[in-house]
Amino acid sequence: MTKKTDPLSYPKENIKVLLLEGIHPTAEENFKNHEFINVETYSEAWSEEELLERIEDVQLIGIRSKTNITKKVIENAPKLKAVG
């Protein structure tokens, strides 16, 4: 019998996902169905100041057209791996 291994080298429970601007609820559902348990959703866009205050430990962020991920935000998000 073969043992199923997780293809990620980093534990999913330690990956923080941030979904802004009312990203469709199925996005959160899909993350949770794939064992990403640290998913936060917000209906509004965030300003640069709000992002700077709250993005330090975020690895994945999902946005729509109103949230601007500036160079300053990226420079202050050392764990950020993807923006979508």
N, C-alpha and C. Protein backbone atom coordinates (compact mmCIF):
# COMPACT_ATOMS: atom_id res chain seq x y z
N MET A 1 0.85 -1.18 0.00
CA MET A 1 0.00 0.00 0.00
C MET A 1 0.89 1.24 0.00
N THR A 2 0.59 2.20 -0.87
CA THR A 2 1.39 3.42 -0.94
C THR A 2 0.78 4.49 -0.05
N LYS A 3 1.64 5.29 0.49
CA LYS A 3 1.21 6.38 1.36
C LYS A 3 1.01 7.64 0.53
N LYS A 4 -0.15 8.28 0.70
CA LYS A 4 -0.42 9.52 -0.02
C LYS A 4 0.37 10.64 0.65
N THR A 5 1.08 11.41 -0.15
CA THR A 5 1.84 12.53 0.40
C THR A 5 1.26 13.84 -0.10
N ASP A 6 1.40 14.84 0.69
CA ASP A 6 0.94 16.18 0.34
C ASP A 6 1.96 16.80 -0.60
N PRO A 7 1.51 17.33 -1.74
CA PRO A 7 2.47 17.91 -2.69
C PRO A 7 3.08 19.22 -2.23
N LEU A 8 2.53 19.83 -1.18
CA LEU A 8 3.10 21.08 -0.67
C LEU A 8 4.14 20.78 0.41
N SER A 9 5.23 21.50 0.38
CA SER A 9 6.25 21.30 1.40
C SER A 9 5.94 22.12 2.65
N TYR A 10 5.01 23.06 2.55
CA TYR A 10 4.63 23.92 3.67
C TYR A 10 3.22 23.53 4.10
N PRO A 11 2.97 23.33 5.38
CA PRO A 11 1.65 22.89 5.83
C PRO A 11 0.54 23.88 5.45
N LYS A 12 -0.51 23.37 4.84
CA LYS A 12 -1.62 24.22 4.40
C LYS A 12 -2.24 25.00 5.55
N GLU A 13 -2.25 24.42 6.74
CA GLU A 13 -2.87 25.11 7.87
C GLU A 13 -2.07 26.35 8.29
N ASN A 14 -0.85 26.48 7.81
CA ASN A 14 -0.03 27.66 8.11
C ASN A 14 -0.07 28.71 7.01
N ILE A 15 -0.79 28.43 5.94
CA ILE A 15 -0.88 29.37 4.83
C ILE A 15 -2.10 30.26 5.04
N LYS A 16 -1.86 31.56 5.10
CA LYS A 16 -2.96 32.51 5.30
C LYS A 16 -3.40 33.05 3.94
N VAL A 17 -4.70 32.88 3.68
CA VAL A 17 -5.30 33.34 2.43
C VAL A 17 -6.23 34.51 2.75
N LEU A 18 -6.10 35.59 2.01
CA LEU A 18 -6.92 36.78 2.21
C LEU A 18 -7.67 37.06 0.91
N LEU A 19 -9.01 37.08 1.00
CA LEU A 19 -9.85 37.34 -0.17
C LEU A 19 -10.62 38.63 0.08
N LEU A 20 -10.43 39.60 -0.80
CA LEU A 20 -11.04 40.92 -0.63
C LEU A 20 -12.07 41.21 -1.72
N GLU A 21 -12.83 42.27 -1.51
CA GLU A 21 -13.76 42.81 -2.50
C GLU A 21 -14.88 41.85 -2.87
N GLY A 22 -15.32 41.04 -1.94
CA GLY A 22 -16.43 40.15 -2.23
C GLY A 22 -16.13 39.09 -3.26
N ILE A 23 -14.91 38.58 -3.23
CA ILE A 23 -14.56 37.47 -4.11
C ILE A 23 -15.65 36.40 -3.95
N HIS A 24 -16.02 35.75 -5.02
CA HIS A 24 -17.13 34.80 -4.99
C HIS A 24 -16.94 33.77 -3.87
N PRO A 25 -18.02 33.45 -3.15
CA PRO A 25 -17.93 32.51 -2.02
C PRO A 25 -17.36 31.15 -2.39
N THR A 26 -17.46 30.75 -3.64
CA THR A 26 -16.89 29.45 -4.00
C THR A 26 -15.36 29.45 -3.91
N ALA A 27 -14.74 30.62 -3.99
CA ALA A 27 -13.28 30.69 -3.83
C ALA A 27 -12.90 30.24 -2.43
N GLU A 28 -13.57 30.80 -1.41
CA GLU A 28 -13.30 30.39 -0.03
C GLU A 28 -13.62 28.91 0.14
N GLU A 29 -14.73 28.48 -0.40
CA GLU A 29 -15.14 27.08 -0.30
C GLU A 29 -14.09 26.16 -0.92
N ASN A 30 -13.58 26.53 -2.09
CA ASN A 30 -12.55 25.71 -2.75
C ASN A 30 -11.27 25.62 -1.92
N PHE A 31 -10.83 26.74 -1.36
CA PHE A 31 -9.65 26.69 -0.50
C PHE A 31 -9.89 25.75 0.68
N LYS A 32 -11.03 25.90 1.33
CA LYS A 32 -11.31 25.07 2.50
C LYS A 32 -11.48 23.60 2.12
N ASN A 33 -12.06 23.32 0.96
CA ASN A 33 -12.18 21.94 0.49
C ASN A 33 -10.82 21.31 0.23
N HIS A 34 -9.82 22.14 0.01
CA HIS A 34 -8.46 21.64 -0.22
C HIS A 34 -7.58 21.84 1.02
N GLU A 35 -8.24 21.93 2.16
CA GLU A 35 -7.59 21.93 3.48
C GLU A 35 -6.80 23.19 3.82
N PHE A 36 -7.11 24.30 3.16
CA PHE A 36 -6.56 25.59 3.57
C PHE A 36 -7.54 26.13 4.60
N ILE A 37 -7.17 26.10 5.87
CA ILE A 37 -8.13 26.44 6.93
C ILE A 37 -8.04 27.89 7.38
N ASN A 38 -6.99 28.58 6.99
CA ASN A 38 -6.79 29.96 7.42
C ASN A 38 -7.15 30.91 6.28
N VAL A 39 -8.45 31.01 6.01
CA VAL A 39 -8.96 31.83 4.90
C VAL A 39 -9.84 32.93 5.48
N GLU A 40 -9.52 34.17 5.15
CA GLU A 40 -10.33 35.31 5.60
C GLU A 40 -10.92 36.00 4.38
N THR A 41 -12.21 36.37 4.48
CA THR A 41 -12.87 37.06 3.38
C THR A 41 -13.45 38.38 3.87
N TYR A 42 -13.39 39.37 3.00
CA TYR A 42 -13.94 40.69 3.30
C TYR A 42 -14.64 41.20 2.05
N SER A 43 -15.74 41.91 2.24
CA SER A 43 -16.52 42.37 1.09
C SER A 43 -15.99 43.65 0.47
N GLU A 44 -15.16 44.38 1.20
CA GLU A 44 -14.71 45.67 0.69
C GLU A 44 -13.25 45.62 0.21
N ALA A 45 -12.91 46.64 -0.58
CA ALA A 45 -11.51 46.83 -0.99
C ALA A 45 -10.76 47.45 0.19
N TRP A 46 -9.47 47.21 0.25
CA TRP A 46 -8.65 47.79 1.30
C TRP A 46 -7.75 48.86 0.70
N SER A 47 -7.53 49.90 1.48
CA SER A 47 -6.59 50.96 1.09
C SER A 47 -5.16 50.45 1.29
N GLU A 48 -4.21 51.19 0.75
CA GLU A 48 -2.81 50.83 0.95
C GLU A 48 -2.48 50.78 2.44
N GLU A 49 -2.99 51.74 3.19
CA GLU A 49 -2.73 51.79 4.63
C GLU A 49 -3.27 50.54 5.34
N GLU A 50 -4.48 50.13 4.99
CA GLU A 50 -5.05 48.92 5.60
C GLU A 50 -4.24 47.69 5.24
N LEU A 51 -3.83 47.60 3.99
CA LEU A 51 -3.00 46.47 3.57
C LEU A 51 -1.69 46.44 4.34
N LEU A 52 -1.05 47.58 4.48
CA LEU A 52 0.23 47.64 5.19
C LEU A 52 0.09 47.20 6.64
N GLU A 53 -1.04 47.50 7.24
CA GLU A 53 -1.28 47.13 8.64
C GLU A 53 -1.57 45.64 8.81
N ARG A 54 -2.08 44.98 7.76
CA ARG A 54 -2.64 43.65 7.95
C ARG A 54 -2.10 42.55 7.04
N ILE A 55 -1.17 42.85 6.16
CA ILE A 55 -0.75 41.86 5.17
C ILE A 55 0.57 41.16 5.51
N GLU A 56 1.19 41.52 6.60
CA GLU A 56 2.52 41.01 6.93
C GLU A 56 2.60 39.48 6.94
N ASP A 57 1.56 38.79 7.39
CA ASP A 57 1.61 37.33 7.49
C ASP A 57 0.76 36.62 6.45
N VAL A 58 0.35 37.32 5.40
CA VAL A 58 -0.48 36.75 4.34
C VAL A 58 0.41 36.15 3.24
N GLN A 59 0.07 34.91 2.82
CA GLN A 59 0.81 34.27 1.73
C GLN A 59 0.10 34.42 0.38
N LEU A 60 -1.23 34.36 0.39
CA LEU A 60 -2.02 34.45 -0.84
C LEU A 60 -3.10 35.51 -0.68
N ILE A 61 -3.26 36.36 -1.68
CA ILE A 61 -4.31 37.38 -1.62
C ILE A 61 -5.09 37.37 -2.93
N GLY A 62 -6.40 37.37 -2.80
CA GLY A 62 -7.29 37.44 -3.95
C GLY A 62 -8.01 38.78 -3.94
N ILE A 63 -7.92 39.51 -5.04
CA ILE A 63 -8.52 40.84 -5.12
C ILE A 63 -9.30 40.97 -6.42
N ARG A 64 -10.04 42.06 -6.51
CA ARG A 64 -10.70 42.43 -7.77
C ARG A 64 -10.06 43.73 -8.23
N SER A 65 -10.80 44.63 -8.83
CA SER A 65 -10.19 45.79 -9.47
C SER A 65 -9.96 47.00 -8.57
N LYS A 66 -10.57 47.06 -7.40
CA LYS A 66 -10.45 48.26 -6.57
C LYS A 66 -9.25 48.27 -5.64
N THR A 67 -8.79 47.13 -5.22
CA THR A 67 -7.64 47.06 -4.31
C THR A 67 -6.36 47.16 -5.14
N ASN A 68 -5.48 48.07 -4.74
CA ASN A 68 -4.20 48.25 -5.43
C ASN A 68 -3.07 47.67 -4.59
N ILE A 69 -2.39 46.70 -5.15
CA ILE A 69 -1.22 46.12 -4.50
C ILE A 69 -0.01 46.91 -5.01
N THR A 70 0.41 47.86 -4.21
CA THR A 70 1.51 48.75 -4.61
C THR A 70 2.87 48.12 -4.30
N LYS A 71 3.89 48.74 -4.82
CA LYS A 71 5.26 48.30 -4.53
C LYS A 71 5.51 48.33 -3.03
N LYS A 72 5.02 49.36 -2.36
CA LYS A 72 5.20 49.48 -0.91
C LYS A 72 4.53 48.33 -0.17
N VAL A 73 3.35 47.93 -0.62
CA VAL A 73 2.65 46.80 0.00
C VAL A 73 3.47 45.53 -0.18
N ILE A 74 3.94 45.29 -1.39
CA ILE A 74 4.73 44.08 -1.65
C ILE A 74 6.01 44.08 -0.82
N GLU A 75 6.66 45.21 -0.71
CA GLU A 75 7.88 45.30 0.09
C GLU A 75 7.63 45.03 1.57
N ASN A 76 6.40 45.24 2.02
CA ASN A 76 6.06 45.04 3.43
C ASN A 76 5.27 43.76 3.67
N ALA A 77 5.29 42.87 2.70
CA ALA A 77 4.60 41.58 2.81
C ALA A 77 5.60 40.47 2.55
N PRO A 78 6.48 40.19 3.50
CA PRO A 78 7.57 39.25 3.26
C PRO A 78 7.13 37.82 2.98
N LYS A 79 5.93 37.45 3.40
CA LYS A 79 5.46 36.08 3.18
C LYS A 79 4.60 35.93 1.94
N LEU A 80 4.26 37.03 1.29
CA LEU A 80 3.35 37.00 0.15
C LEU A 80 3.97 36.22 -1.01
N LYS A 81 3.23 35.23 -1.49
CA LYS A 81 3.69 34.38 -2.59
C LYS A 81 2.90 34.59 -3.87
N ALA A 82 1.62 34.99 -3.75
CA ALA A 82 0.78 35.13 -4.95
C ALA A 82 -0.32 36.14 -4.74
N VAL A 83 -0.63 36.85 -5.82
CA VAL A 83 -1.74 37.79 -5.87
C VAL A 83 -2.59 37.39 -7.06
N GLY A 84 -3.88 37.27 -6.83
CA GLY A 84 -4.74 36.87 -7.95
C GLY A 84 -6.06 37.59 -7.92
